[in-house]
PDB file of N, CA and C in Angstrom:
ATOM      1  N   MET A   1      77.269 -73.992 195.363  1.00  0.00           N
ATOM      2  CA  MET A   1      77.328 -75.434 195.328  1.00  0.00           C
ATOM      3  C   MET A   1      76.260 -76.036 196.246  1.00  0.00           C
ATOM      4  N   ALA A   2      76.065 -75.403 197.406  1.00  0.00           N
ATOM      5  CA  ALA A   2      75.060 -75.908 198.351  1.00  0.00           C
ATOM      6  C   ALA A   2      73.665 -75.861 197.743  1.00  0.00           C
ATOM      7  N   ALA A   3      73.358 -74.773 197.035  1.00  0.00           N
ATOM      8  CA  ALA A   3      72.035 -74.669 196.406  1.00  0.00           C
ATOM      9  C   ALA A   3      71.863 -75.739 195.340  1.00  0.00           C
ATOM     10  N   GLY A   4      72.928 -76.062 194.634  1.00  0.00           N
ATOM     11  CA  GLY A   4      72.862 -77.117 193.627  1.00  0.00           C
ATOM     12  C   GLY A   4      72.583 -78.475 194.243  1.00  0.00           C
ATOM     13  N   LEU A   5      73.240 -78.759 195.361  1.00  0.00           N
ATOM     14  CA  LEU A   5      73.034 -80.047 196.026  1.00  0.00           C
ATOM     15  C   LEU A   5      71.657 -80.136 196.676  1.00  0.00           C
ATOM     16  N   PHE A   6      71.302 -79.103 197.458  1.00  0.00           N
ATOM     17  CA  PHE A   6      69.996 -79.127 198.119  1.00  0.00           C
ATOM     18  C   PHE A   6      68.854 -79.030 197.112  1.00  0.00           C
ATOM     19  N   GLY A   7      69.012 -78.165 196.117  1.00  0.00           N
ATOM     20  CA  GLY A   7      67.972 -78.014 195.099  1.00  0.00           C
ATOM     21  C   GLY A   7      67.740 -79.291 194.323  1.00  0.00           C
ATOM     22  N   THR A   8      68.825 -79.980 193.995  1.00  0.00           N
ATOM     23  CA  THR A   8      68.698 -81.248 193.279  1.00  0.00           C
ATOM     24  C   THR A   8      68.038 -82.297 194.165  1.00  0.00           C
ATOM     25  N   SER A   9      68.293 -82.228 195.453  1.00  0.00           N
ATOM     26  CA  SER A   9      67.677 -83.188 196.373  1.00  0.00           C
ATOM     27  C   SER A   9      66.183 -82.969 196.535  1.00  0.00           C
ATOM     28  N   ILE A  10      65.745 -81.699 196.545  1.00  0.00           N
ATOM     29  CA  ILE A  10      64.334 -81.430 196.831  1.00  0.00           C
ATOM     30  C   ILE A  10      63.490 -81.127 195.602  1.00  0.00           C
ATOM     31  N   HIS A  11      64.110 -80.958 194.436  1.00  0.00           N
ATOM     32  CA  HIS A  11      63.331 -80.539 193.264  1.00  0.00           C
ATOM     33  C   HIS A  11      62.279 -81.565 192.848  1.00  0.00           C
ATOM     34  N   ALA A  12      62.487 -82.813 193.145  1.00  0.00           N
ATOM     35  CA  ALA A  12      61.560 -83.857 192.695  1.00  0.00           C
ATOM     36  C   ALA A  12      60.474 -84.165 193.718  1.00  0.00           C
ATOM     37  N   SER A  13      60.268 -83.276 194.681  1.00  0.00           N
ATOM     38  CA  SER A  13      59.154 -83.455 195.614  1.00  0.00           C
ATOM     39  C   SER A  13      57.869 -83.126 194.866  1.00  0.00           C
ATOM     40  N   ILE A  14      57.029 -84.113 194.717  1.00  0.00           N
ATOM     41  CA  ILE A  14      55.864 -84.009 193.837  1.00  0.00           C
ATOM     42  C   ILE A  14      54.615 -84.488 194.571  1.00  0.00           C
ATOM     43  N   THR A  15      53.521 -83.792 194.328  1.00  0.00           N
ATOM     44  CA  THR A  15      52.207 -84.234 194.767  1.00  0.00           C
ATOM     45  C   THR A  15      51.360 -84.418 193.518  1.00  0.00           C
ATOM     46  N   TYR A  16      50.630 -85.496 193.462  1.00  0.00           N
ATOM     47  CA  TYR A  16      49.781 -85.755 192.299  1.00  0.00           C
ATOM     48  C   TYR A  16      48.347 -85.348 192.607  1.00  0.00           C
ATOM     49  N   VAL A  17      47.772 -84.566 191.717  1.00  0.00           N
ATOM     50  CA  VAL A  17      46.387 -84.120 191.838  1.00  0.00           C
ATOM     51  C   VAL A  17      45.537 -85.022 190.949  1.00  0.00           C
ATOM     52  N   GLY A  18      44.605 -85.725 191.540  1.00  0.00           N
ATOM     53  CA  GLY A  18      43.740 -86.612 190.764  1.00  0.00           C
ATOM     54  C   GLY A  18      44.473 -87.792 190.162  1.00  0.00           C
ATOM     55  N   ASN A  19      45.564 -88.210 190.730  1.00  0.00           N
ATOM     56  CA  ASN A  19      46.369 -89.346 190.283  1.00  0.00           C
ATOM     57  C   ASN A  19      46.995 -89.184 188.905  1.00  0.00           C
ATOM     58  N   ASP A  20      46.794 -88.060 188.248  1.00  0.00           N
ATOM     59  CA  ASP A  20      47.334 -87.887 186.903  1.00  0.00           C
ATOM     60  C   ASP A  20      48.192 -86.642 186.742  1.00  0.00           C
ATOM     61  N   ILE A  21      47.861 -85.579 187.425  1.00  0.00           N
ATOM     62  CA  ILE A  21      48.521 -84.294 187.206  1.00  0.00           C
ATOM     63  C   ILE A  21      49.585 -84.078 188.278  1.00  0.00           C
ATOM     64  N   PRO A  22      50.864 -84.024 187.867  1.00  0.00           N
ATOM     65  CA  PRO A  22      51.918 -83.807 188.858  1.00  0.00           C
ATOM     66  C   PRO A  22      52.016 -82.334 189.254  1.00  0.00           C
ATOM     67  N   LEU A  23      52.016 -82.078 190.543  1.00  0.00           N
ATOM     68  CA  LEU A  23      52.225 -80.739 191.079  1.00  0.00           C
ATOM     69  C   LEU A  23      53.646 -80.718 191.638  1.00  0.00           C
ATOM     70  N   VAL A  24      54.562 -80.129 190.890  1.00  0.00           N
ATOM     71  CA  VAL A  24      55.989 -80.191 191.220  1.00  0.00           C
ATOM     72  C   VAL A  24      56.363 -79.035 192.155  1.00  0.00           C
ATOM     73  N   TRP A  25      55.940 -79.139 193.406  1.00  0.00           N
ATOM     74  CA  TRP A  25      56.184 -78.082 194.375  1.00  0.00           C
ATOM     75  C   TRP A  25      57.644 -78.041 194.819  1.00  0.00           C
ATOM     76  N   GLY A  26      58.360 -79.113 194.684  1.00  0.00           N
ATOM     77  CA  GLY A  26      59.771 -79.134 195.066  1.00  0.00           C
ATOM     78  C   GLY A  26      60.619 -78.211 194.207  1.00  0.00           C
ATOM     79  N   VAL A  27      60.233 -78.053 192.941  1.00  0.00           N
ATOM     80  CA  VAL A  27      60.957 -77.139 192.051  1.00  0.00           C
ATOM     81  C   VAL A  27      60.808 -75.710 192.555  1.00  0.00           C
ATOM     82  N   GLY A  28      59.600 -75.347 192.970  1.00  0.00           N
ATOM     83  CA  GLY A  28      59.384 -74.005 193.514  1.00  0.00           C
ATOM     84  C   GLY A  28      60.222 -73.755 194.751  1.00  0.00           C
ATOM     85  N   LEU A  29      60.314 -74.754 195.607  1.00  0.00           N
ATOM     86  CA  LEU A  29      61.132 -74.629 196.812  1.00  0.00           C
ATOM     87  C   LEU A  29      62.618 -74.538 196.461  1.00  0.00           C
ATOM     88  N   ALA A  30      63.047 -75.327 195.497  1.00  0.00           N
ATOM     89  CA  ALA A  30      64.445 -75.280 195.058  1.00  0.00           C
ATOM     90  C   ALA A  30      64.766 -73.938 194.406  1.00  0.00           C
ATOM     91  N   TRP A  31      63.827 -73.416 193.598  1.00  0.00           N
ATOM     92  CA  TRP A  31      64.020 -72.095 192.989  1.00  0.00           C
ATOM     93  C   TRP A  31      64.097 -71.012 194.055  1.00  0.00           C
ATOM     94  N   LEU A  32      63.248 -71.109 195.078  1.00  0.00           N
ATOM     95  CA  LEU A  32      63.273 -70.134 196.168  1.00  0.00           C
ATOM     96  C   LEU A  32      64.618 -70.175 196.888  1.00  0.00           C
ATOM     97  N   LEU A  33      65.102 -71.369 197.165  1.00  0.00           N
ATOM     98  CA  LEU A  33      66.405 -71.519 197.810  1.00  0.00           C
ATOM     99  C   LEU A  33      67.510 -70.888 196.970  1.00  0.00           C
ATOM    100  N   LEU A  34      67.505 -71.145 195.694  1.00  0.00           N
ATOM    101  CA  LEU A  34      68.519 -70.578 194.803  1.00  0.00           C
ATOM    102  C   LEU A  34      68.400 -69.059 194.736  1.00  0.00           C
ATOM    103  N   GLY A  35      67.180 -68.548 194.612  1.00  0.00           N
ATOM    104  CA  GLY A  35      66.979 -67.104 194.553  1.00  0.00           C
ATOM    105  C   GLY A  35      67.458 -66.403 195.809  1.00  0.00           C
ATOM    106  N   VAL A  36      67.159 -66.981 196.965  1.00  0.00           N
ATOM    107  CA  VAL A  36      67.618 -66.398 198.231  1.00  0.00           C
ATOM    108  C   VAL A  36      69.139 -66.429 198.313  1.00  0.00           C
ATOM    109  N   LEU A  37      69.750 -67.509 197.887  1.00  0.00           N
ATOM    110  CA  LEU A  37      71.211 -67.603 197.903  1.00  0.00           C
ATOM    111  C   LEU A  37      71.839 -66.535 197.013  1.00  0.00           C
ATOM    112  N   VAL A  38      71.333 -66.388 195.805  1.00  0.00           N
ATOM    113  CA  VAL A  38      71.889 -65.414 194.861  1.00  0.00           C
ATOM    114  C   VAL A  38      71.705 -63.999 195.404  1.00  0.00           C
ATOM    115  N   TYR A  39      70.515 -63.701 195.909  1.00  0.00           N
ATOM    116  CA  TYR A  39      70.237 -62.374 196.472  1.00  0.00           C
ATOM    117  C   TYR A  39      71.143 -62.095 197.668  1.00  0.00           C
ATOM    118  N   TRP A  40      71.231 -63.049 198.585  1.00  0.00           N
ATOM    119  CA  TRP A  40      72.043 -62.869 199.787  1.00  0.00           C
ATOM    120  C   TRP A  40      73.516 -62.674 199.434  1.00  0.00           C
ATOM    121  N   ALA A  41      74.025 -63.461 198.508  1.00  0.00           N
ATOM    122  CA  ALA A  41      75.436 -63.339 198.123  1.00  0.00           C
ATOM    123  C   ALA A  41      75.724 -61.966 197.533  1.00  0.00           C
ATOM    124  N   ALA A  42      74.828 -61.460 196.711  1.00  0.00           N
ATOM    125  CA  ALA A  42      75.045 -60.158 196.075  1.00  0.00           C
ATOM    126  C   ALA A  42      74.913 -59.017 197.075  1.00  0.00           C
ATOM    127  N   VAL A  43      73.880 -59.042 197.898  1.00  0.00           N
ATOM    128  CA  VAL A  43      73.634 -57.930 198.826  1.00  0.00           C
ATOM    129  C   VAL A  43      74.630 -57.930 199.978  1.00  0.00           C
ATOM    130  N   SER A  44      74.943 -59.091 200.526  1.00  0.00           N
ATOM    131  CA  SER A  44      75.854 -59.134 201.673  1.00  0.00           C
ATOM    132  C   SER A  44      77.280 -58.754 201.297  1.00  0.00           C
ATOM    133  N   SER A  45      77.669 -59.019 200.068  1.00  0.00           N
ATOM    134  CA  SER A  45      79.020 -58.660 199.633  1.00  0.00           C
ATOM    135  C   SER A  45      79.062 -57.308 198.924  1.00  0.00           C
ATOM    136  N   SER A  46      77.901 -56.745 198.641  1.00  0.00           N
ATOM    137  CA  SER A  46      77.777 -55.487 197.879  1.00  0.00           C
ATOM    138  C   SER A  46      78.374 -55.600 196.483  1.00  0.00           C
ATOM    139  N   LYS A  47      78.412 -56.797 195.967  1.00  0.00           N
ATOM    140  CA  LYS A  47      78.940 -57.045 194.620  1.00  0.00           C
ATOM    141  C   LYS A  47      77.974 -57.961 193.876  1.00  0.00           C
ATOM    142  N   LEU A  48      77.496 -57.467 192.751  1.00  0.00           N
ATOM    143  CA  LEU A  48      76.529 -58.228 191.967  1.00  0.00           C
ATOM    144  C   LEU A  48      77.136 -59.516 191.422  1.00  0.00           C
ATOM    145  N   TRP A  49      78.419 -59.481 191.111  1.00  0.00           N
ATOM    146  CA  TRP A  49      79.058 -60.667 190.547  1.00  0.00           C
ATOM    147  C   TRP A  49      79.091 -61.820 191.542  1.00  0.00           C
ATOM    148  N   ALA A  50      79.046 -61.533 192.844  1.00  0.00           N
ATOM    149  CA  ALA A  50      79.039 -62.608 193.839  1.00  0.00           C
ATOM    150  C   ALA A  50      77.748 -63.420 193.747  1.00  0.00           C
ATOM    151  N   GLY A  51      76.636 -62.746 193.503  1.00  0.00           N
ATOM    152  CA  GLY A  51      75.376 -63.459 193.306  1.00  0.00           C
ATOM    153  C   GLY A  51      75.388 -64.275 192.031  1.00  0.00           C
ATOM    154  N   ALA A  52      75.941 -63.685 190.972  1.00  0.00           N
ATOM    155  CA  ALA A  52      76.046 -64.415 189.704  1.00  0.00           C
ATOM    156  C   ALA A  52      76.950 -65.632 189.863  1.00  0.00           C
ATOM    157  N   LEU A  53      77.985 -65.500 190.661  1.00  0.00           N
ATOM    158  CA  LEU A  53      78.886 -66.624 190.914  1.00  0.00           C
ATOM    159  C   LEU A  53      78.160 -67.746 191.661  1.00  0.00           C
ATOM    160  N   GLY A  54      77.250 -67.372 192.574  1.00  0.00           N
ATOM    161  CA  GLY A  54      76.440 -68.379 193.265  1.00  0.00           C
ATOM    162  C   GLY A  54      75.576 -69.164 192.295  1.00  0.00           C
ATOM    163  N   PHE A  55      74.984 -68.463 191.330  1.00  0.00           N
ATOM    164  CA  PHE A  55      74.174 -69.138 190.310  1.00  0.00           C
ATOM    165  C   PHE A  55      75.040 -70.053 189.452  1.00  0.00           C
ATOM    166  N   ILE A  56      76.187 -69.565 189.032  1.00  0.00           N
ATOM    167  CA  ILE A  56      77.073 -70.369 188.184  1.00  0.00           C
ATOM    168  C   ILE A  56      77.516 -71.628 188.924  1.00  0.00           C
ATOM    169  N   GLY A  57      77.847 -71.483 190.207  1.00  0.00           N
ATOM    170  CA  GLY A  57      78.236 -72.645 191.007  1.00  0.00           C
ATOM    171  C   GLY A  57      77.120 -73.669 191.102  1.00  0.00           C
ATOM    172  N   CYS A  58      75.898 -73.188 191.274  1.00  0.00           N
ATOM    173  CA  CYS A  58      74.737 -74.086 191.327  1.00  0.00           C
ATOM    174  C   CYS A  58      74.547 -74.797 189.992  1.00  0.00           C
ATOM    175  N   TYR A  59      74.646 -74.050 188.910  1.00  0.00           N
ATOM    176  CA  TYR A  59      74.428 -74.627 187.584  1.00  0.00           C
ATOM    177  C   TYR A  59      75.498 -75.673 187.256  1.00  0.00           C
ATOM    178  N   VAL A  60      76.734 -75.384 187.603  1.00  0.00           N
ATOM    179  CA  VAL A  60      77.820 -76.343 187.361  1.00  0.00           C
ATOM    180  C   VAL A  60      77.614 -77.598 188.203  1.00  0.00           C
ATOM    181  N   THR A  61      77.201 -77.424 189.454  1.00  0.00           N
ATOM    182  CA  THR A  61      76.952 -78.576 190.321  1.00  0.00           C
ATOM    183  C   THR A  61      75.857 -79.470 189.747  1.00  0.00           C
ATOM    184  N   VAL A  62      74.764 -78.865 189.310  1.00  0.00           N
ATOM    185  CA  VAL A  62      73.668 -79.645 188.718  1.00  0.00           C
ATOM    186  C   VAL A  62      74.130 -80.315 187.426  1.00  0.00           C
ATOM    187  N   GLY A  63      74.922 -79.611 186.639  1.00  0.00           N
ATOM    188  CA  GLY A  63      75.454 -80.199 185.411  1.00  0.00           C
ATOM    189  C   GLY A  63      76.327 -81.406 185.689  1.00  0.00           C
ATOM    190  N   LEU A  64      77.177 -81.302 186.698  1.00  0.00           N
ATOM    191  CA  LEU A  64      78.033 -82.437 187.050  1.00  0.00           C
ATOM    192  C   LEU A  64      77.219 -83.606 187.587  1.00  0.00           C
ATOM    193  N   ILE A  65      76.221 -83.307 188.409  1.00  0.00           N
ATOM    194  CA  ILE A  65      75.379 -84.374 188.952  1.00  0.00           C
ATOM    195  C   ILE A  65      74.646 -85.106 187.832  1.00  0.00           C
ATOM    196  N   SER A  66      74.166 -84.361 186.846  1.00  0.00           N
ATOM    197  CA  SER A  66      73.398 -85.005 185.779  1.00  0.00           C
ATOM    198  C   SER A  66      74.278 -85.660 184.723  1.00  0.00           C
ATOM    199  N   TYR A  67      75.536 -85.282 184.656  1.00  0.00           N
ATOM    200  CA  TYR A  67      76.421 -85.813 183.621  1.00  0.00           C
ATOM    201  C   TYR A  67      77.199 -87.038 184.080  1.00  0.00           C
ATOM    202  N   VAL A  68      77.628 -87.047 185.314  1.00  0.00           N
ATOM    203  CA  VAL A  68      78.526 -88.089 185.808  1.00  0.00           C
ATOM    204  C   VAL A  68      77.727 -89.298 186.282  1.00  0.00           C
ATOM    205  N   GLY A  69      78.054 -90.454 185.759  1.00  0.00           N
ATOM    206  CA  GLY A  69      77.497 -91.710 186.242  1.00  0.00           C
ATOM    207  C   GLY A  69      76.047 -91.961 185.877  1.00  0.00           C
ATOM    208  N   ASN A  70      75.498 -92.986 186.487  1.00  0.00           N
ATOM    209  CA  ASN A  70      74.095 -93.350 186.281  1.00  0.00           C
ATOM    210  C   ASN A  70      73.238 -92.596 187.285  1.00  0.00           C
ATOM    211  N   ASP A  71      72.977 -91.362 186.984  1.00  0.00           N
ATOM    212  CA  ASP A  71      72.265 -90.488 187.907  1.00  0.00           C
ATOM    213  C   ASP A  71      70.780 -90.807 187.932  1.00  0.00           C
ATOM    214  N   GLN A  72      70.190 -90.764 189.095  1.00  0.00           N
ATOM    215  CA  GLN A  72      68.752 -90.962 189.223  1.00  0.00           C
ATOM    216  C   GLN A  72      68.061 -89.711 189.758  1.00  0.00           C
ATOM    217  N   LEU A  73      68.819 -88.634 190.006  1.00  0.00           N
ATOM    218  CA  LEU A  73      68.227 -87.407 190.534  1.00  0.00           C
ATOM    219  C   LEU A  73      67.736 -86.475 189.440  1.00  0.00           C
ATOM    220  N   ILE A  74      68.426 -86.431 188.315  1.00  0.00           N
ATOM    221  CA  ILE A  74      68.044 -85.594 187.183  1.00  0.00           C
ATOM    222  C   ILE A  74      67.702 -86.524 186.017  1.00  0.00           C
ATOM    223  N   LEU A  75      66.462 -86.454 185.555  1.00  0.00           N
ATOM    224  CA  LEU A  75      66.026 -87.313 184.451  1.00  0.00           C
ATOM    225  C   LEU A  75      65.975 -86.529 183.153  1.00  0.00           C
ATOM    226  N   GLY A  76      66.381 -87.172 182.081  1.00  0.00           N
ATOM    227  CA  GLY A  76      66.276 -86.569 180.758  1.00  0.00           C
ATOM    228  C   GLY A  76      64.847 -86.651 180.244  1.00  0.00           C
ATOM    229  N   MET A  77      64.538 -85.862 179.230  1.00  0.00           N
ATOM    230  CA  MET A  77      63.172 -85.810 178.699  1.00  0.00           C
ATOM    231  C   MET A  77      62.736 -87.122 178.042  1.00  0.00           C
ATOM    232  N   GLN A  78      63.665 -88.016 177.744  1.00  0.00           N
ATOM    233  CA  GLN A  78      63.281 -89.297 177.150  1.00  0.00           C
ATOM    234  C   GLN A  78      62.479 -90.163 178.127  1.00  0.00           C
ATOM    235  N   TYR A  79      62.485 -89.822 179.418  1.00  0.00           N
ATOM    236  CA  TYR A  79      61.729 -90.584 180.416  1.00  0.00           C
ATOM    237  C   TYR A  79      60.338 -90.010 180.678  1.00  0.00           C
ATOM    238  N   TYR A  80      59.964 -88.961 179.960  1.00  0.00           N
ATOM    239  CA  TYR A  80      58.681 -88.296 180.224  1.00  0.00           C
ATOM    240  C   TYR A  80      57.490 -89.237 180.063  1.00  0.00           C
ATOM    241  N   ARG A  81      57.563 -90.116 179.110  1.00  0.00           N
ATOM    242  CA  ARG A  81      56.452 -91.045 178.860  1.00  0.00           C
ATOM    243  C   ARG A  81      56.220 -91.985 180.048  1.00  0.00           C
ATOM    244  N   PHE A  82      57.290 -92.353 180.728  1.00  0.00           N
ATOM    245  CA  PHE A  82      57.201 -93.316 181.821  1.00  0.00           C
ATOM    246  C   PHE A  82      57.088 -92.647 183.189  1.00  0.00           C
ATOM    247  N   LEU A  83      57.795 -91.526 183.374  1.00  0.00           N
ATOM    248  CA  LEU A  83      57.820 -90.803 184.648  1.00  0.00           C
ATOM    249  C   LEU A  83      57.585 -89.317 184.404  1.00  0.00           C
ATOM    250  N   PRO A  84      56.361 -88.928 184.085  1.00  0.00           N
ATOM    251  CA  PRO A  84      56.136 -87.530 183.709  1.00  0.00           C
ATOM    252  C   PRO A  84      56.431 -86.536 184.824  1.00  0.00           C
ATOM    253  N   GLY A  85      56.072 -86.841 186.053  1.00  0.00           N
ATOM    254  CA  GLY A  85      56.296 -85.911 187.160  1.00  0.00           C
ATOM    255  C   GLY A  85      57.767 -85.642 187.429  1.00  0.00           C
ATOM    256  N   PRO A  86      58.555 -86.682 187.702  1.00  0.00           N
ATOM    257  CA  PRO A  86      59.976 -86.458 187.950  1.00  0.00           C
ATOM    258  C   PRO A  86      60.721 -85.877 186.747  1.00  0.00           C
ATOM    259  N   THR A  87      60.315 -86.250 185.547  1.00  0.00           N
ATOM    260  CA  THR A  87      60.970 -85.709 184.357  1.00  0.00           C
ATOM    261  C   THR A  87      60.671 -84.228 184.203  1.00  0.00           C
ATOM    262  N   LEU A  88      59.433 -83.842 184.425  1.00  0.00           N
ATOM    263  CA  LEU A  88      59.064 -82.432 184.365  1.00  0.00           C
ATOM    264  C   LEU A  88      59.798 -81.635 185.436  1.00  0.00           C
ATOM    265  N   ALA A  89      59.879 -82.185 186.643  1.00  0.00           N
ATOM    266  CA  ALA A  89      60.596 -81.511 187.727  1.00  0.00           C
ATOM    267  C   ALA A  89      62.074 -81.343 187.378  1.00  0.00           C
ATOM    268  N   SER A  90      62.670 -82.360 186.797  1.00  0.00           N
ATOM    269  CA  SER A  90      64.084 -82.278 186.416  1.00  0.00           C
ATOM    270  C   SER A  90      64.317 -81.219 185.352  1.00  0.00           C
ATOM    271  N   ALA A  91      63.440 -81.170 184.361  1.00  0.00           N
ATOM    272  CA  ALA A  91      63.594 -80.174 183.295  1.00  0.00           C
ATOM    273  C   ALA A  91      63.404 -78.759 183.830  1.00  0.00           C
ATOM    274  N   LEU A  92      62.397 -78.568 184.682  1.00  0.00           N
ATOM    275  CA  LEU A  92      62.170 -77.240 185.254  1.00  0.00           C
ATOM    276  C   LEU A  92      63.334 -76.803 186.130  1.00  0.00           C
ATOM    277  N   TRP A  93      63.878 -77.728 186.908  1.00  0.00           N
ATOM    278  CA  TRP A  93      65.005 -77.387 187.778  1.00  0.00           C
ATOM    279  C   TRP A  93      66.251 -77.092 186.954  1.00  0.00           C
ATOM    280  N   THR A  94      66.576 -77.957 186.010  1.00  0.00           N
ATOM    281  CA  THR A  94      67.809 -77.809 185.246  1.00  0.00           C
ATOM    282  C   THR A  94      67.784 -76.594 184.333  1.00  0.00           C
ATOM    283  N   TYR A  95      66.721 -76.445 183.579  1.00  0.00           N
ATOM    284  CA  TYR A  95      66.683 -75.373 182.580  1.00  0.00           C
ATOM    285  C   TYR A  95      66.010 -74.100 183.078  1.00  0.00           C
ATOM    286  N   GLY A  96      65.269 -74.192 184.172  1.00  0.00           N
ATOM    287  CA  GLY A  96      64.562 -73.023 184.668  1.00  0.00           C
ATOM    288  C   GLY A  96      65.234 -72.299 185.803  1.00  0.00           C
ATOM    289  N   MET A  97      66.382 -72.792 186.261  1.00  0.00           N
ATOM    290  CA  MET A  97      67.025 -72.151 187.410  1.00  0.00           C
ATOM    291  C   MET A  97      67.537 -70.748 187.101  1.00  0.00           C
ATOM    292  N   VAL A  98      67.590 -70.395 185.845  1.00  0.00           N
ATOM    293  CA  VAL A  98      68.010 -69.042 185.488  1.00  0.00           C
ATOM    294  C   VAL A  98      66.931 -68.025 185.885  1.00  0.00           C
ATOM    295  N   ILE A  99      65.676 -68.435 185.945  1.00  0.00           N
ATOM    296  CA  ILE A  99      64.574 -67.517 186.256  1.00  0.00           C
ATOM    297  C   ILE A  99      64.714 -66.916 187.657  1.00  0.00           C
ATOM    298  N   PRO A 100      64.801 -67.726 188.732  1.00  0.00           N
ATOM    299  CA  PRO A 100      64.946 -67.104 190.051  1.00  0.00           C
ATOM    300  C   PRO A 100      66.277 -66.379 190.214  1.00  0.00           C
ATOM    301  N   SER A 101      67.291 -66.824 189.495  1.00  0.00           N
ATOM    302  CA  SER A 101      68.593 -66.162 189.599  1.00  0.00           C
ATOM    303  C   SER A 101      68.549 -64.759 189.018  1.00  0.00           C
ATOM    304  N   VAL A 102      67.941 -64.610 187.863  1.00  0.00           N
ATOM    305  CA  VAL A 102      67.841 -63.282 187.241  1.00  0.00           C
ATOM    306  C   VAL A 102      66.959 -62.366 188.087  1.00  0.00           C
ATOM    307  N   ILE A 103      65.852 -62.890 188.597  1.00  0.00           N
ATOM    308  CA  ILE A 103      64.977 -62.081 189.454  1.00  0.00           C
ATOM    309  C   ILE A 103      65.729 -61.637 190.705  1.00  0.00           C
ATOM    310  N   ALA A 104      66.469 -62.553 191.321  1.00  0.00           N
ATOM    311  CA  ALA A 104      67.232 -62.214 192.525  1.00  0.00           C
ATOM    312  C   ALA A 104      68.325 -61.197 192.220  1.00  0.00           C
ATOM    313  N   LEU A 105      68.989 -61.338 191.079  1.00  0.00           N
ATOM    314  CA  LEU A 105      70.031 -60.375 190.710  1.00  0.00           C
ATOM    315  C   LEU A 105      69.438 -58.995 190.447  1.00  0.00           C
ATOM    316  N   LEU A 106      68.277 -58.938 189.827  1.00  0.00           N
ATOM    317  CA  LEU A 106      67.623 -57.646 189.596  1.00  0.00           C
ATOM    318  C   LEU A 106      67.195 -56.996 190.911  1.00  0.00           C
ATOM    319  N   CYS A 107      66.677 -57.784 191.834  1.00  0.00           N
ATOM    320  CA  CYS A 107      66.314 -57.252 193.154  1.00  0.00           C
ATOM    321  C   CYS A 107      67.548 -56.784 193.913  1.00  0.00           C
ATOM    322  N   ALA A 108      68.623 -57.544 193.831  1.00  0.00           N
ATOM    323  CA  ALA A 108      69.869 -57.150 194.494  1.00  0.00           C
ATOM    324  C   ALA A 108      70.439 -55.887 193.868  1.00  0.00           C
ATOM    325  N   LEU A 109      70.349 -55.768 192.559  1.00  0.00           N
ATOM    326  CA  LEU A 109      70.828 -54.562 191.880  1.00  0.00           C
ATOM    327  C   LEU A 109      70.068 -53.336 192.367  1.00  0.00           C
ATOM    328  N   ARG A 110      68.791 -53.476 192.538  1.00  0.00           N
ATOM    329  CA  ARG A 110      67.980 -52.358 193.041  1.00  0.00           C
ATOM    330  C   ARG A 110      68.414 -51.960 194.451  1.00  0.00           C
ATOM    331  N   VAL A 111      68.631 -52.937 195.319  1.00  0.00           N
ATOM    332  CA  VAL A 111      69.074 -52.653 196.689  1.00  0.00           C
ATOM    333  C   VAL A 111      70.458 -52.013 196.686  1.00  0.00           C
ATOM    334  N   LEU A 112      71.357 -52.528 195.872  1.00  0.00           N
ATOM    335  CA  LEU A 112      72.716 -51.987 195.826  1.00  0.00           C
ATOM    336  C   LEU A 112      72.729 -50.562 195.289  1.00  0.00           C
ATOM    337  N   ARG A 113      71.880 -50.256 194.344  1.00  0.00           N
ATOM    338  CA  ARG A 113      71.798 -48.883 193.827  1.00  0.00           C
ATOM    339  C   ARG A 113      71.271 -47.931 194.890  1.00  0.00           C
ATOM    340  N   LYS A 114      70.305 -48.379 195.685  1.00  0.00           N
ATOM    341  CA  LYS A 114      69.775 -47.540 196.762  1.00  0.00           C
ATOM    342  C   LYS A 114      70.830 -47.302 197.842  1.00  0.00           C
ATOM    343  N   GLN A 115      71.667 -48.285 198.107  1.00  0.00           N
ATOM    344  CA  GLN A 115      72.716 -48.139 199.118  1.00  0.00           C
ATOM    345  C   GLN A 115      73.781 -47.150 198.682  1.00  0.00           C
ATOM    346  N   ARG A 116      74.013 -47.035 197.403  1.00  0.00           N
ATOM    347  CA  ARG A 116      75.057 -46.141 196.895  1.00  0.00           C
ATOM    348  C   ARG A 116      74.621 -44.686 196.879  1.00  0.00           C
ATOM    349  N   ARG A 117      73.348 -44.416 196.990  1.00  0.00           N
ATOM    350  CA  ARG A 117      72.862 -43.028 196.960  1.00  0.00           C
ATOM    351  C   ARG A 117      73.146 -42.307 198.225  1.00  0.00           C
TER     352      ARG A 117
END
């Protein structure tokens, strides 16, 4: 849940290159935070499902934030024409959070297998 809240808060940190091209560095930071959380949960508990549960909690939190009320933190793709940077950041955060989670789970699986030997 913490990764969902913090990630949603920082995902829209954007720098514009040449006033036109959005560099969505906040998404990378949010993905890193989520990946570290998933990895830490799995390795510290020695259970892979604990890391997966961390990802699920994050995804549910982001889903609730974007679904409930007049949210301004997660933008739908219909706003891309008007706010391309924040809309791109929202889409990458919402739909791309599975990428760092799977990578973290695979890394944790490797560590857990080495510990069992």
